[in-house]
Amino acid sequence: MTAGWRERKARGEKHAVEDFLFTYYPTRPAQLRRWHPGAGVVLTSSGTTRPDDVAPLLAERAAWRWYRAGTDGGVSLDTGAFLTDRGETVRYARELLAATASRPATLGCFGLHEWAMVYRDHAQGRDHRHPLPLRLGAHGTDEVVATHPVRCSHFDAFRFFTPEAVSLNRLQPTRETQPALEQPGCLHANMDLYKWAVKLSPAVPSGLVLDAFELARDIRWVDMRASPYDVSSYGQAPVAIETPEGKAEYVRLQRGFAERSAVLRARLLEVCERLLG
């Protein structure tokens, strides 16, 4: 799962699609390799055939941040200590996740956020964001943005729009309005489930973190296939959102991600509720 990133980093190579999961999001491969059972689970040596081998592992884990050893020798997450340090994050995550889950998925933005991030870059003498070439060229890319309604609700995409594209967006999201605007059809909101899983770790079971990572990776590939960039060098066909067929394909994929994300969002909300009581 992280081998490709580690191998590329050792060789000094970059990947325009998958590196995003390790550079944009606040995590390291080592964090994904460290297993956590999640809040409310007590690890013990009882029931094992070799308790003497388990005892040192429990002692080591008890020394990890936010863990504690109980009087019975079991080790678990110290939720009080975790909330002391991360309570504000937990409460905000619960607010944002619950608000997003309460809304129907809005489909049909067609991934134009990526196009708006390079709109008129060439005309203004700016380099675009990725080393990949533009599939339709600079003029063709600008034409797609100029002839389509832009309706991006996700602040962390909108903040990367070029100055010329900002006023084209039907919404003007801010960090403060994020809980009011986030919706479950948004590819980036659904990728961000991985961000929240990491931010809430080790209270989140590692299995859920990995599920969120896999979802984010799948979405990232579609995000770039539907972008103005030519991803054929990675063996990927474009989702040509400038065509009726491409729009239909994008909506189909978007709907599938919304369904997968709803399950993970509910699981993350359960973690927040368990922590906050």
C-alpha atoms as a PDB file:
ATOM      1  CA  MET A   1       0.000   0.000   0.000  1.00  0.00           C
ATOM      2  CA  THR A   2       2.880   2.390   0.745  1.00  0.00           C
ATOM      3  CA  ALA A   3       5.673   0.494  -1.043  1.00  0.00           C
ATOM      4  CA  GLY A   4       5.380   2.512  -4.260  1.00  0.00           C
ATOM      5  CA  TRP A   5       5.693   5.829  -2.420  1.00  0.00           C
ATOM      6  CA  ARG A   6       8.695   4.647  -0.389  1.00  0.00           C
ATOM      7  CA  GLU A   7      10.462   3.245  -3.443  1.00  0.00           C
ATOM      8  CA  ARG A   8       9.871   6.421  -5.466  1.00  0.00           C
ATOM      9  CA  LYS A   9      11.064   8.602  -2.619  1.00  0.00           C
ATOM     10  CA  ALA A  10      14.253   6.561  -2.296  1.00  0.00           C
ATOM     11  CA  ARG A  11      14.894   7.081  -6.028  1.00  0.00           C
ATOM     12  CA  GLY A  12      13.963  10.759  -5.927  1.00  0.00           C
ATOM     13  CA  GLU A  13      11.005  10.197  -8.263  1.00  0.00           C
ATOM     14  CA  LYS A  14       7.555  11.787  -8.181  1.00  0.00           C
ATOM     15  CA  HIS A  15       4.111  10.497  -9.111  1.00  0.00           C
ATOM     16  CA  ALA A  16       1.630  13.180 -10.149  1.00  0.00           C
ATOM     17  CA  VAL A  17      -1.358  11.158  -8.960  1.00  0.00           C
ATOM     18  CA  GLU A  18      -0.535   8.983  -5.953  1.00  0.00           C
ATOM     19  CA  ASP A  19       1.994  11.256  -4.205  1.00  0.00           C
ATOM     20  CA  PHE A  20      -0.958  13.478  -3.315  1.00  0.00           C
ATOM     21  CA  LEU A  21      -1.975  10.982  -0.624  1.00  0.00           C
ATOM     22  CA  PHE A  22       1.343  11.462   1.170  1.00  0.00           C
ATOM     23  CA  THR A  23       2.051  15.139   0.518  1.00  0.00           C
ATOM     24  CA  TYR A  24      -1.354  16.820   0.794  1.00  0.00           C
ATOM     25  CA  TYR A  25      -2.570  14.753   3.729  1.00  0.00           C
ATOM     26  CA  PRO A  26      -0.767  14.923   7.111  1.00  0.00           C
ATOM     27  CA  THR A  27       0.474  11.362   7.361  1.00  0.00           C
ATOM     28  CA  ARG A  28       3.545   9.217   6.883  1.00  0.00           C
ATOM     29  CA  PRO A  29       3.752   5.629   5.629  1.00  0.00           C
ATOM     30  CA  ALA A  30       4.987   4.537   9.064  1.00  0.00           C
ATOM     31  CA  GLN A  31       1.700   5.689  10.563  1.00  0.00           C
ATOM     32  CA  LEU A  32      -0.228   3.365   8.267  1.00  0.00           C
ATOM     33  CA  ARG A  33       1.971   0.432   9.269  1.00  0.00           C
ATOM     34  CA  ARG A  34       1.358   0.885  13.033  1.00  0.00           C
ATOM     35  CA  TRP A  35      -1.752  -1.023  14.100  1.00  0.00           C
ATOM     36  CA  HIS A  36      -4.304   0.422  16.533  1.00  0.00           C
ATOM     37  CA  PRO A  37      -7.439  -1.369  17.764  1.00  0.00           C
ATOM     38  CA  GLY A  38      -9.357   1.868  18.336  1.00  0.00           C
ATOM     39  CA  ALA A  39     -11.050   3.405  21.342  1.00  0.00           C
ATOM     40  CA  GLY A  40     -12.803   1.071  23.769  1.00  0.00           C
ATOM     41  CA  VAL A  41     -10.666  -2.001  23.035  1.00  0.00           C
ATOM     42  CA  VAL A  42      -8.481  -3.510  25.780  1.00  0.00           C
ATOM     43  CA  LEU A  43      -5.461  -5.539  24.718  1.00  0.00           C
ATOM     44  CA  THR A  44      -4.493  -8.339  27.113  1.00  0.00           C
ATOM     45  CA  SER A  45      -2.366 -11.463  27.180  1.00  0.00           C
ATOM     46  CA  SER A  46      -5.226 -13.619  28.431  1.00  0.00           C
ATOM     47  CA  GLY A  47      -6.266 -16.342  26.053  1.00  0.00           C
ATOM     48  CA  THR A  48      -2.901 -16.431  24.320  1.00  0.00           C
ATOM     49  CA  THR A  49      -0.790 -19.565  24.268  1.00  0.00           C
ATOM     50  CA  ARG A  50       2.423 -17.589  24.871  1.00  0.00           C
ATOM     51  CA  PRO A  51       1.602 -14.788  27.348  1.00  0.00           C
ATOM     52  CA  ASP A  52       5.278 -14.227  28.138  1.00  0.00           C
ATOM     53  CA  ASP A  53       5.826 -13.162  24.532  1.00  0.00           C
ATOM     54  CA  VAL A  54       2.865 -10.780  24.625  1.00  0.00           C
ATOM     55  CA  ALA A  55       3.748  -9.025  27.892  1.00  0.00           C
ATOM     56  CA  PRO A  56       6.689  -7.016  26.444  1.00  0.00           C
ATOM     57  CA  LEU A  57       4.524  -5.911  23.525  1.00  0.00           C
ATOM     58  CA  LEU A  58       1.834  -4.677  25.895  1.00  0.00           C
ATOM     59  CA  ALA A  59       4.417  -2.843  27.999  1.00  0.00           C
ATOM     60  CA  GLU A  60       5.787  -1.176  24.871  1.00  0.00           C
ATOM     61  CA  ARG A  61       2.328  -0.120  23.743  1.00  0.00           C
ATOM     62  CA  ALA A  62       1.461   1.260  27.184  1.00  0.00           C
ATOM     63  CA  ALA A  63       4.305   3.742  26.674  1.00  0.00           C
ATOM     64  CA  TRP A  64       2.866   4.988  23.388  1.00  0.00           C
ATOM     65  CA  ARG A  65       1.182   8.360  23.365  1.00  0.00           C
ATOM     66  CA  TRP A  66      -2.429   8.260  24.641  1.00  0.00           C
ATOM     67  CA  TYR A  67      -2.192   4.633  25.784  1.00  0.00           C
ATOM     68  CA  ARG A  68      -2.324   3.404  29.366  1.00  0.00           C
ATOM     69  CA  ALA A  69      -2.009   0.155  31.316  1.00  0.00           C
ATOM     70  CA  GLY A  70      -4.937  -0.878  33.490  1.00  0.00           C
ATOM     71  CA  THR A  71      -4.776  -2.511  36.901  1.00  0.00           C
ATOM     72  CA  ASP A  72      -5.568  -5.855  35.273  1.00  0.00           C
ATOM     73  CA  GLY A  73      -2.542  -5.600  33.000  1.00  0.00           C
ATOM     74  CA  GLY A  74      -4.573  -4.752  29.928  1.00  0.00           C
ATOM     75  CA  VAL A  75      -3.609  -1.833  27.690  1.00  0.00           C
ATOM     76  CA  SER A  76      -6.079   0.534  26.044  1.00  0.00           C
ATOM     77  CA  LEU A  77      -6.443   4.030  24.666  1.00  0.00           C
ATOM     78  CA  ASP A  78      -6.678   6.669  27.381  1.00  0.00           C
ATOM     79  CA  THR A  79      -9.667   8.488  25.935  1.00  0.00           C
ATOM     80  CA  GLY A  80      -9.506  11.199  28.594  1.00  0.00           C
ATOM     81  CA  ALA A  81      -5.931  12.076  27.668  1.00  0.00           C
ATOM     82  CA  PHE A  82      -6.781  11.892  23.977  1.00  0.00           C
ATOM     83  CA  LEU A  83      -9.717  14.275  24.390  1.00  0.00           C
ATOM     84  CA  THR A  84      -7.603  16.664  26.435  1.00  0.00           C
ATOM     85  CA  ASP A  85      -5.252  17.008  23.481  1.00  0.00           C
ATOM     86  CA  ARG A  86      -7.606  16.439  20.545  1.00  0.00           C
ATOM     87  CA  GLY A  87     -11.069  17.223  21.871  1.00  0.00           C
ATOM     88  CA  GLU A  88     -11.537  20.262  19.658  1.00  0.00           C
ATOM     89  CA  THR A  89     -10.622  18.216  16.586  1.00  0.00           C
ATOM     90  CA  VAL A  90     -13.021  15.435  17.585  1.00  0.00           C
ATOM     91  CA  ARG A  91     -15.890  17.865  18.094  1.00  0.00           C
ATOM     92  CA  TYR A  92     -15.277  19.641  14.800  1.00  0.00           C
ATOM     93  CA  ALA A  93     -14.980  16.334  12.944  1.00  0.00           C
ATOM     94  CA  ARG A  94     -18.285  15.188  14.415  1.00  0.00           C
ATOM     95  CA  GLU A  95     -19.963  18.445  13.362  1.00  0.00           C
ATOM     96  CA  LEU A  96     -18.585  18.322   9.829  1.00  0.00           C
ATOM     97  CA  LEU A  97     -19.185  14.613   9.253  1.00  0.00           C
ATOM     98  CA  ALA A  98     -22.725  14.738  10.642  1.00  0.00           C
ATOM     99  CA  ALA A  99     -23.622  17.813   8.596  1.00  0.00           C
ATOM    100  CA  THR A 100     -22.261  16.229   5.428  1.00  0.00           C
ATOM    101  CA  ALA A 101     -24.084  12.959   6.068  1.00  0.00           C
ATOM    102  CA  SER A 102     -27.382  14.805   6.575  1.00  0.00           C
ATOM    103  CA  ARG A 103     -27.440  16.099   2.994  1.00  0.00           C
ATOM    104  CA  PRO A 104     -28.219  14.361  -0.281  1.00  0.00           C
ATOM    105  CA  ALA A 105     -25.337  13.903  -2.682  1.00  0.00           C
ATOM    106  CA  THR A 106     -25.158  16.702  -5.239  1.00  0.00           C
ATOM    107  CA  LEU A 107     -23.868  15.289  -8.513  1.00  0.00           C
ATOM    108  CA  GLY A 108     -22.947  17.073 -11.693  1.00  0.00           C
ATOM    109  CA  CYS A 109     -20.037  19.363 -10.822  1.00  0.00           C
ATOM    110  CA  PHE A 110     -18.090  17.221 -13.348  1.00  0.00           C
ATOM    111  CA  GLY A 111     -14.776  17.772 -11.568  1.00  0.00           C
ATOM    112  CA  LEU A 112     -14.360  21.289 -12.921  1.00  0.00           C
ATOM    113  CA  HIS A 113     -12.460  22.287  -9.779  1.00  0.00           C
ATOM    114  CA  GLU A 114      -9.271  20.843 -11.289  1.00  0.00           C
ATOM    115  CA  TRP A 115      -9.855  22.801 -14.489  1.00  0.00           C
ATOM    116  CA  ALA A 116     -10.470  26.017 -12.545  1.00  0.00           C
ATOM    117  CA  MET A 117      -7.098  25.560 -10.852  1.00  0.00           C
ATOM    118  CA  VAL A 118      -5.318  26.107 -14.187  1.00  0.00           C
ATOM    119  CA  TYR A 119      -7.793  28.478 -15.865  1.00  0.00           C
ATOM    120  CA  ARG A 120      -5.934  31.124 -17.906  1.00  0.00           C
ATOM    121  CA  ASP A 121      -2.594  30.112 -16.415  1.00  0.00           C
ATOM    122  CA  HIS A 122      -0.958  30.050 -19.847  1.00  0.00           C
ATOM    123  CA  ALA A 123      -2.462  33.398 -20.854  1.00  0.00           C
ATOM    124  CA  GLN A 124      -1.089  34.946 -17.669  1.00  0.00           C
ATOM    125  CA  GLY A 125       2.354  33.367 -18.061  1.00  0.00           C
ATOM    126  CA  ARG A 126       1.967  31.037 -15.078  1.00  0.00           C
ATOM    127  CA  ASP A 127       3.077  27.414 -14.856  1.00  0.00           C
ATOM    128  CA  HIS A 128       0.260  24.979 -14.134  1.00  0.00           C
ATOM    129  CA  ARG A 129       0.143  22.872 -10.996  1.00  0.00           C
ATOM    130  CA  HIS A 130       1.386  19.501 -12.274  1.00  0.00           C
ATOM    131  CA  PRO A 131       4.166  18.443 -14.659  1.00  0.00           C
ATOM    132  CA  LEU A 132       1.656  16.525 -16.793  1.00  0.00           C
ATOM    133  CA  PRO A 133       0.610  18.122 -20.102  1.00  0.00           C
ATOM    134  CA  LEU A 134      -2.885  19.515 -20.571  1.00  0.00           C
ATOM    135  CA  ARG A 135      -4.999  17.075 -22.576  1.00  0.00           C
ATOM    136  CA  LEU A 136      -6.787  19.812 -24.574  1.00  0.00           C
ATOM    137  CA  GLY A 137      -4.003  22.368 -24.457  1.00  0.00           C
ATOM    138  CA  ALA A 138      -4.213  25.713 -22.676  1.00  0.00           C
ATOM    139  CA  HIS A 139      -6.836  27.272 -24.961  1.00  0.00           C
ATOM    140  CA  GLY A 140      -9.030  24.172 -24.964  1.00  0.00           C
ATOM    141  CA  THR A 141      -8.839  23.959 -21.176  1.00  0.00           C
ATOM    142  CA  ASP A 142      -9.855  27.592 -20.767  1.00  0.00           C
ATOM    143  CA  GLU A 143     -12.747  27.062 -23.176  1.00  0.00           C
ATOM    144  CA  VAL A 144     -14.136  24.194 -21.075  1.00  0.00           C
ATOM    145  CA  VAL A 145     -14.138  26.356 -17.948  1.00  0.00           C
ATOM    146  CA  ALA A 146     -15.624  29.348 -19.739  1.00  0.00           C
ATOM    147  CA  THR A 147     -18.490  27.330 -21.240  1.00  0.00           C
ATOM    148  CA  HIS A 148     -19.485  25.258 -18.200  1.00  0.00           C
ATOM    149  CA  PRO A 149     -21.077  26.286 -14.899  1.00  0.00           C
ATOM    150  CA  VAL A 150     -18.567  25.982 -12.062  1.00  0.00           C
ATOM    151  CA  ARG A 151     -20.201  24.950  -8.789  1.00  0.00           C
ATOM    152  CA  CYS A 152     -17.549  23.792  -6.355  1.00  0.00           C
ATOM    153  CA  SER A 153     -18.651  23.531  -2.708  1.00  0.00           C
ATOM    154  CA  HIS A 154     -15.339  22.345  -1.235  1.00  0.00           C
ATOM    155  CA  PHE A 155     -13.169  25.076   0.248  1.00  0.00           C
ATOM    156  CA  ASP A 156      -9.906  23.132   0.014  1.00  0.00           C
ATOM    157  CA  ALA A 157     -10.401  22.846  -3.741  1.00  0.00           C
ATOM    158  CA  PHE A 158     -11.750  26.358  -4.226  1.00  0.00           C
ATOM    159  CA  ARG A 159      -8.763  27.959  -2.482  1.00  0.00           C
ATOM    160  CA  PHE A 160      -6.522  26.724  -5.313  1.00  0.00           C
ATOM    161  CA  PHE A 161      -8.606  28.300  -8.096  1.00  0.00           C
ATOM    162  CA  THR A 162      -6.734  30.779 -10.244  1.00  0.00           C
ATOM    163  CA  PRO A 163      -7.669  34.433  -9.614  1.00  0.00           C
ATOM    164  CA  GLU A 164      -9.539  34.510 -12.923  1.00  0.00           C
ATOM    165  CA  ALA A 165     -11.647  31.463 -11.964  1.00  0.00           C
ATOM    166  CA  VAL A 166     -12.728  32.561  -8.479  1.00  0.00           C
ATOM    167  CA  SER A 167     -15.621  34.732  -9.629  1.00  0.00           C
ATOM    168  CA  LEU A 168     -16.866  31.986 -11.977  1.00  0.00           C
ATOM    169  CA  ASN A 169     -17.741  29.704  -9.076  1.00  0.00           C
ATOM    170  CA  ARG A 170     -21.410  29.830  -8.122  1.00  0.00           C
ATOM    171  CA  LEU A 171     -20.416  29.315  -4.489  1.00  0.00           C
ATOM    172  CA  GLN A 172     -17.717  31.146  -2.552  1.00  0.00           C
ATOM    173  CA  PRO A 173     -16.844  28.616   0.177  1.00  0.00           C
ATOM    174  CA  THR A 174     -14.717  29.560   3.181  1.00  0.00           C
ATOM    175  CA  ARG A 175     -13.268  27.548   6.039  1.00  0.00           C
ATOM    176  CA  GLU A 176     -16.003  28.938   8.272  1.00  0.00           C
ATOM    177  CA  THR A 177     -18.799  27.841   5.933  1.00  0.00           C
ATOM    178  CA  GLN A 178     -17.369  24.377   5.305  1.00  0.00           C
ATOM    179  CA  PRO A 179     -19.814  22.546   7.644  1.00  0.00           C
ATOM    180  CA  ALA A 180     -22.704  24.330   5.925  1.00  0.00           C
ATOM    181  CA  LEU A 181     -21.564  23.533   2.373  1.00  0.00           C
ATOM    182  CA  GLU A 182     -19.839  20.140   2.461  1.00  0.00           C
ATOM    183  CA  GLN A 183     -21.901  17.488   0.676  1.00  0.00           C
ATOM    184  CA  PRO A 184     -21.450  13.733   0.174  1.00  0.00           C
ATOM    185  CA  GLY A 185     -21.218  13.822  -3.613  1.00  0.00           C
ATOM    186  CA  CYS A 186     -17.982  15.836  -3.519  1.00  0.00           C
ATOM    187  CA  LEU A 187     -14.928  13.790  -4.449  1.00  0.00           C
ATOM    188  CA  HIS A 188     -12.640  15.857  -2.251  1.00  0.00           C
ATOM    189  CA  ALA A 189     -14.959  15.725   0.758  1.00  0.00           C
ATOM    190  CA  ASN A 190     -14.934  11.952   0.396  1.00  0.00           C
ATOM    191  CA  MET A 191     -11.161  11.786   0.013  1.00  0.00           C
ATOM    192  CA  ASP A 192     -10.969  13.839   3.198  1.00  0.00           C
ATOM    193  CA  LEU A 193     -12.440  10.942   5.162  1.00  0.00           C
ATOM    194  CA  TYR A 194      -8.885   9.633   5.088  1.00  0.00           C
ATOM    195  CA  LYS A 195      -7.666  12.919   6.572  1.00  0.00           C
ATOM    196  CA  TRP A 196     -10.150  12.674   9.428  1.00  0.00           C
ATOM    197  CA  ALA A 197      -9.350   9.020  10.041  1.00  0.00           C
ATOM    198  CA  VAL A 198      -5.689   9.969  10.453  1.00  0.00           C
ATOM    199  CA  LYS A 199      -6.421  13.033  12.583  1.00  0.00           C
ATOM    200  CA  LEU A 200      -8.578  10.929  14.918  1.00  0.00           C
ATOM    201  CA  SER A 201      -6.019   8.137  15.221  1.00  0.00           C
ATOM    202  CA  PRO A 202      -5.256   6.146  17.329  1.00  0.00           C
ATOM    203  CA  ALA A 203      -8.898   6.325  18.427  1.00  0.00           C
ATOM    204  CA  VAL A 204      -9.862   5.068  14.955  1.00  0.00           C
ATOM    205  CA  PRO A 205      -9.289   1.348  14.295  1.00  0.00           C
ATOM    206  CA  SER A 206      -6.508   0.826  11.773  1.00  0.00           C
ATOM    207  CA  GLY A 207      -8.829  -1.152   9.523  1.00  0.00           C
ATOM    208  CA  LEU A 208     -10.994   1.937   9.096  1.00  0.00           C
ATOM    209  CA  VAL A 209      -7.946   4.105   8.373  1.00  0.00           C
ATOM    210  CA  LEU A 210      -6.863   1.706   5.631  1.00  0.00           C
ATOM    211  CA  ASP A 211     -10.376   1.560   4.180  1.00  0.00           C
ATOM    212  CA  ALA A 212     -10.391   5.367   4.015  1.00  0.00           C
ATOM    213  CA  PHE A 213      -6.934   5.368   2.413  1.00  0.00           C
ATOM    214  CA  GLU A 214      -8.042   2.918  -0.283  1.00  0.00           C
ATOM    215  CA  LEU A 215     -11.129   5.013  -0.993  1.00  0.00           C
ATOM    216  CA  ALA A 216      -9.038   8.192  -1.224  1.00  0.00           C
ATOM    217  CA  ARG A 217      -6.616   6.495  -3.621  1.00  0.00           C
ATOM    218  CA  ASP A 218      -9.446   5.301  -5.870  1.00  0.00           C
ATOM    219  CA  ILE A 219     -11.032   8.758  -5.873  1.00  0.00           C
ATOM    220  CA  ARG A 220      -7.708  10.447  -6.575  1.00  0.00           C
ATOM    221  CA  TRP A 221      -7.279   8.451  -9.769  1.00  0.00           C
ATOM    222  CA  VAL A 222     -10.730   9.460 -10.997  1.00  0.00           C
ATOM    223  CA  ASP A 223     -10.098  13.053  -9.923  1.00  0.00           C
ATOM    224  CA  MET A 224      -7.041  13.163 -12.170  1.00  0.00           C
ATOM    225  CA  ARG A 225      -8.620  11.205 -15.027  1.00  0.00           C
ATOM    226  CA  ALA A 226     -11.403  13.814 -15.086  1.00  0.00           C
ATOM    227  CA  SER A 227      -8.951  16.688 -14.778  1.00  0.00           C
ATOM    228  CA  PRO A 228      -7.498  18.694 -17.671  1.00  0.00           C
ATOM    229  CA  TYR A 229      -4.262  16.725 -17.381  1.00  0.00           C
ATOM    230  CA  ASP A 230      -3.226  13.954 -19.760  1.00  0.00           C
ATOM    231  CA  VAL A 231      -2.753  10.851 -17.576  1.00  0.00           C
ATOM    232  CA  SER A 232      -2.133   8.464 -20.479  1.00  0.00           C
ATOM    233  CA  SER A 233       1.503   8.138 -19.372  1.00  0.00           C
ATOM    234  CA  TYR A 234       0.133   6.217 -16.375  1.00  0.00           C
ATOM    235  CA  GLY A 235      -1.920   3.933 -18.610  1.00  0.00           C
ATOM    236  CA  GLN A 236      -5.168   5.701 -17.732  1.00  0.00           C
ATOM    237  CA  ALA A 237      -7.923   6.820 -20.104  1.00  0.00           C
ATOM    238  CA  PRO A 238      -9.463  10.247 -19.502  1.00  0.00           C
ATOM    239  CA  VAL A 239     -12.944  10.874 -18.203  1.00  0.00           C
ATOM    240  CA  ALA A 240     -13.653  13.478 -20.875  1.00  0.00           C
ATOM    241  CA  ILE A 241     -16.045  15.674 -18.906  1.00  0.00           C
ATOM    242  CA  GLU A 242     -16.305  18.109 -21.819  1.00  0.00           C
ATOM    243  CA  THR A 243     -18.407  15.489 -23.657  1.00  0.00           C
ATOM    244  CA  PRO A 244     -21.882  14.106 -22.817  1.00  0.00           C
ATOM    245  CA  GLU A 245     -20.416  10.618 -22.489  1.00  0.00           C
ATOM    246  CA  GLY A 246     -17.712  11.837 -20.124  1.00  0.00           C
ATOM    247  CA  LYS A 247     -20.213  13.708 -17.996  1.00  0.00           C
ATOM    248  CA  ALA A 248     -22.339  10.573 -17.654  1.00  0.00           C
ATOM    249  CA  GLU A 249     -19.295   8.515 -16.688  1.00  0.00           C
ATOM    250  CA  TYR A 250     -18.235  11.092 -14.104  1.00  0.00           C
ATOM    251  CA  VAL A 251     -21.674  11.129 -12.465  1.00  0.00           C
ATOM    252  CA  ARG A 252     -21.729   7.323 -12.368  1.00  0.00           C
ATOM    253  CA  LEU A 253     -18.339   7.195 -10.661  1.00  0.00           C
ATOM    254  CA  GLN A 254     -19.253  10.076  -8.362  1.00  0.00           C
ATOM    255  CA  ARG A 255     -22.408   8.262  -7.236  1.00  0.00           C
ATOM    256  CA  GLY A 256     -20.440   5.103  -6.495  1.00  0.00           C
ATOM    257  CA  PHE A 257     -17.934   7.004  -4.368  1.00  0.00           C
ATOM    258  CA  ALA A 258     -20.765   8.719  -2.493  1.00  0.00           C
ATOM    259  CA  GLU A 259     -22.207   5.320  -1.597  1.00  0.00           C
ATOM    260  CA  ARG A 260     -18.850   3.949  -0.424  1.00  0.00           C
ATOM    261  CA  SER A 261     -18.122   7.114   1.521  1.00  0.00           C
ATOM    262  CA  ALA A 262     -21.440   7.049   3.363  1.00  0.00           C
ATOM    263  CA  VAL A 263     -20.417   3.811   5.067  1.00  0.00           C
ATOM    264  CA  LEU A 264     -17.012   5.129   6.150  1.00  0.00           C
ATOM    265  CA  ARG A 265     -18.440   8.479   7.231  1.00  0.00           C
ATOM    266  CA  ALA A 266     -20.915   6.664   9.494  1.00  0.00           C
ATOM    267  CA  ARG A 267     -18.104   4.589  11.006  1.00  0.00           C
ATOM    268  CA  LEU A 268     -16.045   7.708  11.717  1.00  0.00           C
ATOM    269  CA  LEU A 269     -19.063   9.362  13.296  1.00  0.00           C
ATOM    270  CA  GLU A 270     -19.445   6.336  15.571  1.00  0.00           C
ATOM    271  CA  VAL A 271     -15.856   6.838  16.742  1.00  0.00           C
ATOM    272  CA  CYS A 272     -16.540  10.508  17.490  1.00  0.00           C
ATOM    273  CA  GLU A 273     -19.730   9.695  19.390  1.00  0.00           C
ATOM    274  CA  ARG A 274     -17.964   7.004  21.408  1.00  0.00           C
ATOM    275  CA  LEU A 275     -15.197   9.418  22.366  1.00  0.00           C
ATOM    276  CA  LEU A 276     -17.519  12.262  23.284  1.00  0.00           C
ATOM    277  CA  GLY A 277     -20.051  10.082  25.043  1.00  0.00           C
END
